[in-house]
N, C-alpha and C. Protein backbone atom coordinates (compact mmCIF):
# COMPACT_ATOMS: atom_id res chain seq x y z
N MET A 1 -36.24 -8.47 -32.54
CA MET A 1 -34.91 -8.36 -32.38
C MET A 1 -34.61 -8.09 -34.02
N ASP A 2 -33.52 -7.35 -34.38
CA ASP A 2 -33.11 -7.31 -35.55
C ASP A 2 -31.33 -7.78 -35.46
N ILE A 3 -31.71 -9.15 -35.83
CA ILE A 3 -30.33 -9.84 -35.98
C ILE A 3 -29.20 -9.20 -36.91
N ALA A 4 -29.46 -8.85 -37.97
CA ALA A 4 -28.74 -8.46 -39.03
C ALA A 4 -28.22 -7.23 -38.23
N GLY A 5 -29.08 -6.52 -38.00
CA GLY A 5 -28.35 -4.71 -37.09
C GLY A 5 -27.39 -5.53 -36.10
N LEU A 6 -27.72 -6.20 -35.24
CA LEU A 6 -27.01 -6.63 -33.97
C LEU A 6 -25.68 -7.40 -34.96
N ILE A 7 -25.69 -8.23 -36.11
CA ILE A 7 -24.34 -8.58 -36.48
C ILE A 7 -23.38 -7.20 -36.62
N LYS A 8 -23.78 -6.47 -37.43
CA LYS A 8 -23.52 -5.52 -38.26
C LYS A 8 -23.02 -4.30 -36.87
N ASP A 9 -23.59 -3.87 -35.94
CA ASP A 9 -23.13 -3.36 -34.68
C ASP A 9 -22.02 -4.29 -34.16
N SER A 10 -22.11 -5.56 -33.91
CA SER A 10 -20.63 -6.53 -33.46
C SER A 10 -19.71 -6.47 -34.16
N VAL A 11 -19.60 -6.46 -35.39
CA VAL A 11 -18.76 -6.68 -36.18
C VAL A 11 -17.91 -5.14 -36.10
N GLU A 12 -18.58 -4.09 -36.29
CA GLU A 12 -17.66 -2.94 -36.01
C GLU A 12 -17.07 -2.80 -34.92
N LYS A 13 -17.89 -2.79 -33.81
CA LYS A 13 -17.24 -2.92 -32.57
C LYS A 13 -16.25 -3.44 -32.53
N ILE A 14 -15.93 -5.16 -32.59
CA ILE A 14 -15.24 -6.16 -32.50
C ILE A 14 -13.84 -5.98 -33.97
N THR A 15 -13.96 -5.69 -34.97
CA THR A 15 -13.09 -4.94 -35.35
C THR A 15 -12.06 -4.00 -35.63
N LYS A 16 -12.78 -3.23 -34.71
CA LYS A 16 -12.29 -1.68 -34.38
C LYS A 16 -11.48 -1.33 -33.39
N ASP A 17 -11.66 -2.83 -32.61
CA ASP A 17 -11.15 -3.01 -31.10
C ASP A 17 -9.89 -4.44 -31.04
N GLY A 18 -9.06 -4.20 -31.14
CA GLY A 18 -7.97 -5.02 -31.11
C GLY A 18 -8.17 -6.25 -29.59
N ASP A 19 -8.55 -5.81 -28.47
CA ASP A 19 -8.75 -6.33 -27.50
C ASP A 19 -9.98 -7.16 -27.88
N LEU A 20 -11.13 -6.44 -28.39
CA LEU A 20 -12.61 -7.13 -28.43
C LEU A 20 -12.37 -8.26 -29.77
N THR A 21 -11.12 -8.18 -30.36
CA THR A 21 -10.80 -8.74 -31.40
C THR A 21 -10.63 -10.40 -30.71
N LYS A 22 -9.48 -10.17 -29.70
CA LYS A 22 -9.15 -11.40 -29.39
C LYS A 22 -9.84 -11.80 -28.21
N ALA A 23 -10.61 -11.14 -27.95
CA ALA A 23 -11.59 -11.59 -26.73
C ALA A 23 -12.62 -12.31 -27.77
N PHE A 24 -13.03 -11.86 -28.77
CA PHE A 24 -14.02 -12.97 -29.66
C PHE A 24 -13.30 -13.97 -30.22
N GLN A 25 -12.26 -14.08 -29.97
CA GLN A 25 -11.49 -15.20 -30.98
C GLN A 25 -11.60 -16.10 -29.54
N ALA A 26 -11.31 -15.83 -28.34
CA ALA A 26 -11.12 -16.64 -27.25
C ALA A 26 -12.02 -17.13 -26.89
N ASP A 27 -13.50 -15.98 -26.38
CA ASP A 27 -14.78 -16.57 -25.87
C ASP A 27 -15.87 -15.81 -26.86
N PRO A 28 -16.20 -15.94 -27.82
CA PRO A 28 -17.35 -15.53 -29.04
C PRO A 28 -18.68 -15.46 -28.33
N THR A 29 -18.77 -16.13 -27.12
CA THR A 29 -20.28 -15.69 -26.22
C THR A 29 -20.12 -14.58 -25.59
N ALA A 30 -19.52 -14.93 -24.73
CA ALA A 30 -19.20 -13.56 -23.79
C ALA A 30 -18.98 -12.33 -24.41
N THR A 31 -18.06 -12.22 -25.50
CA THR A 31 -18.01 -10.87 -26.62
C THR A 31 -18.81 -10.63 -26.76
N VAL A 32 -19.98 -11.08 -27.87
CA VAL A 32 -21.27 -10.86 -28.30
C VAL A 32 -22.31 -10.38 -26.90
N LYS A 33 -22.04 -10.84 -26.18
CA LYS A 33 -22.81 -10.69 -25.06
C LYS A 33 -22.67 -9.22 -24.60
N LYS A 34 -21.41 -9.16 -24.68
CA LYS A 34 -20.51 -7.74 -23.67
C LYS A 34 -20.71 -6.62 -24.93
N VAL A 35 -20.97 -6.76 -26.39
CA VAL A 35 -20.82 -5.74 -27.26
C VAL A 35 -22.46 -5.75 -27.69
N ALA A 36 -23.01 -6.69 -28.00
CA ALA A 36 -24.84 -6.64 -28.04
C ALA A 36 -25.89 -6.25 -27.07
N GLY A 37 -25.28 -7.06 -25.53
CA GLY A 37 -26.04 -7.00 -24.79
C GLY A 37 -26.58 -7.85 -23.79
N ASP A 38 -26.56 -8.33 -22.73
CA ASP A 38 -26.68 -9.64 -22.24
C ASP A 38 -28.36 -10.05 -21.97
N LYS A 39 -29.11 -9.19 -22.39
CA LYS A 39 -30.58 -9.85 -22.40
C LYS A 39 -30.66 -10.46 -23.62
N ILE A 40 -30.00 -11.04 -24.81
CA ILE A 40 -30.42 -11.64 -25.74
C ILE A 40 -29.99 -13.04 -25.60
N PRO A 41 -31.47 -13.58 -26.40
CA PRO A 41 -31.74 -14.76 -25.95
C PRO A 41 -30.34 -15.80 -26.60
N ALA A 42 -30.27 -17.09 -25.96
CA ALA A 42 -28.99 -17.91 -26.43
C ALA A 42 -28.82 -18.16 -28.13
N GLU A 43 -30.31 -18.60 -28.25
CA GLU A 43 -30.80 -18.99 -29.97
C GLU A 43 -30.23 -17.68 -30.93
N ALA A 44 -30.16 -16.33 -30.14
CA ALA A 44 -29.69 -14.81 -31.11
C ALA A 44 -28.51 -15.02 -31.34
N ILE A 45 -27.91 -15.51 -29.89
CA ILE A 45 -26.48 -15.01 -29.88
C ILE A 45 -25.63 -16.05 -30.22
N ASP A 46 -25.79 -17.34 -30.77
CA ASP A 46 -25.85 -18.29 -31.65
C ASP A 46 -25.47 -18.07 -32.98
N LYS A 47 -26.72 -17.45 -33.64
CA LYS A 47 -26.85 -16.28 -35.07
C LYS A 47 -25.74 -15.25 -35.11
N ILE A 48 -25.74 -14.78 -33.99
CA ILE A 48 -25.15 -13.40 -34.49
C ILE A 48 -23.26 -14.18 -34.11
N ILE A 49 -22.88 -15.14 -33.63
CA ILE A 49 -21.58 -14.88 -33.61
C ILE A 49 -21.46 -15.91 -34.75
N SER A 50 -22.22 -16.38 -35.43
CA SER A 50 -22.18 -17.23 -36.84
C SER A 50 -22.08 -15.63 -37.89
N GLY A 51 -23.02 -15.12 -37.84
CA GLY A 51 -22.79 -13.93 -38.75
C GLY A 51 -21.95 -12.98 -38.52
N VAL A 52 -21.09 -12.87 -37.44
CA VAL A 52 -19.67 -11.65 -37.09
C VAL A 52 -18.30 -12.78 -37.55
N ARG A 53 -18.55 -14.11 -37.36
CA ARG A 53 -17.37 -14.80 -38.00
C ARG A 53 -17.40 -14.84 -39.73
N ALA A 54 -18.55 -15.03 -40.25
CA ALA A 54 -18.94 -14.94 -41.67
C ALA A 54 -18.26 -13.58 -42.17
N LYS A 55 -18.77 -12.63 -41.51
CA LYS A 55 -18.36 -10.90 -42.15
C LYS A 55 -16.76 -11.16 -41.57
N ILE A 56 -16.44 -11.04 -40.83
CA ILE A 56 -14.67 -11.11 -40.48
C ILE A 56 -14.18 -11.91 -41.38
N GLY A 57 -14.81 -13.00 -41.57
CA GLY A 57 -13.84 -14.21 -42.65
C GLY A 57 -14.20 -13.39 -44.11
N VAL A 58 -15.10 -12.85 -44.37
CA VAL A 58 -15.24 -12.01 -45.46
C VAL A 58 -14.33 -10.66 -45.58
N ASP A 59 -14.29 -10.59 -44.80
CA ASP A 59 -13.63 -9.02 -44.85
C ASP A 59 -11.99 -9.73 -44.82
N LYS A 60 -11.87 -10.29 -44.30
CA LYS A 60 -10.22 -11.15 -43.87
C LYS A 60 -9.81 -11.63 -45.63
N ALA A 61 -10.54 -11.98 -46.39
CA ALA A 61 -10.15 -12.76 -47.58
C ALA A 61 -10.52 -11.40 -48.55
N ALA A 62 -11.09 -10.37 -48.68
CA ALA A 62 -11.26 -9.26 -49.41
C ALA A 62 -9.81 -8.46 -48.97
N ASP A 63 -9.68 -8.38 -48.21
CA ASP A 63 -7.98 -7.47 -47.64
C ASP A 63 -6.88 -8.56 -48.02
N ALA A 64 -7.03 -9.47 -48.09
CA ALA A 64 -5.73 -10.69 -48.74
C ALA A 64 -5.90 -10.15 -50.59
N ILE A 65 -6.89 -10.61 -51.12
CA ILE A 65 -7.16 -10.27 -52.19
C ILE A 65 -6.71 -9.04 -52.56
N SER A 66 -6.95 -8.40 -51.91
CA SER A 66 -6.57 -6.87 -52.28
C SER A 66 -4.85 -6.64 -52.40
N SER A 67 -4.40 -7.33 -51.26
CA SER A 67 -2.86 -6.94 -51.24
C SER A 67 -1.89 -7.62 -51.94
N ILE A 68 -3.05 -8.97 -52.69
CA ILE A 68 -2.18 -9.38 -53.71
C ILE A 68 -2.25 -9.11 -54.97
N LYS A 69 -3.55 -7.59 -55.02
CA LYS A 69 -3.44 -7.58 -56.38
C LYS A 69 -2.87 -6.28 -56.71
N LYS A 70 -1.92 -5.59 -54.71
CA LYS A 70 -0.77 -4.56 -55.21
C LYS A 70 0.23 -5.09 -56.06
N LEU A 71 0.39 -6.42 -55.87
CA LEU A 71 1.60 -7.20 -56.21
C LEU A 71 2.40 -6.76 -57.45
N PHE A 72 0.97 -7.03 -58.08
CA PHE A 72 0.91 -7.32 -59.74
C PHE A 72 0.12 -5.80 -60.58
């Protein structure tokens, strides 16, 4: 099982769809199962959720820094 690939795919799907973004914030486990598949073991889902949260956080930080740089 390619956890990194599942994280990448999940991030792409979740960040491109506002409804999925909201769903991930409300219930990350159900959202990851929806976008990555129901057959993923629980321990893998936890890793995917952590990876998605980390990636989304990094993207938001980069966007914030980019916005600040535009002010100067």
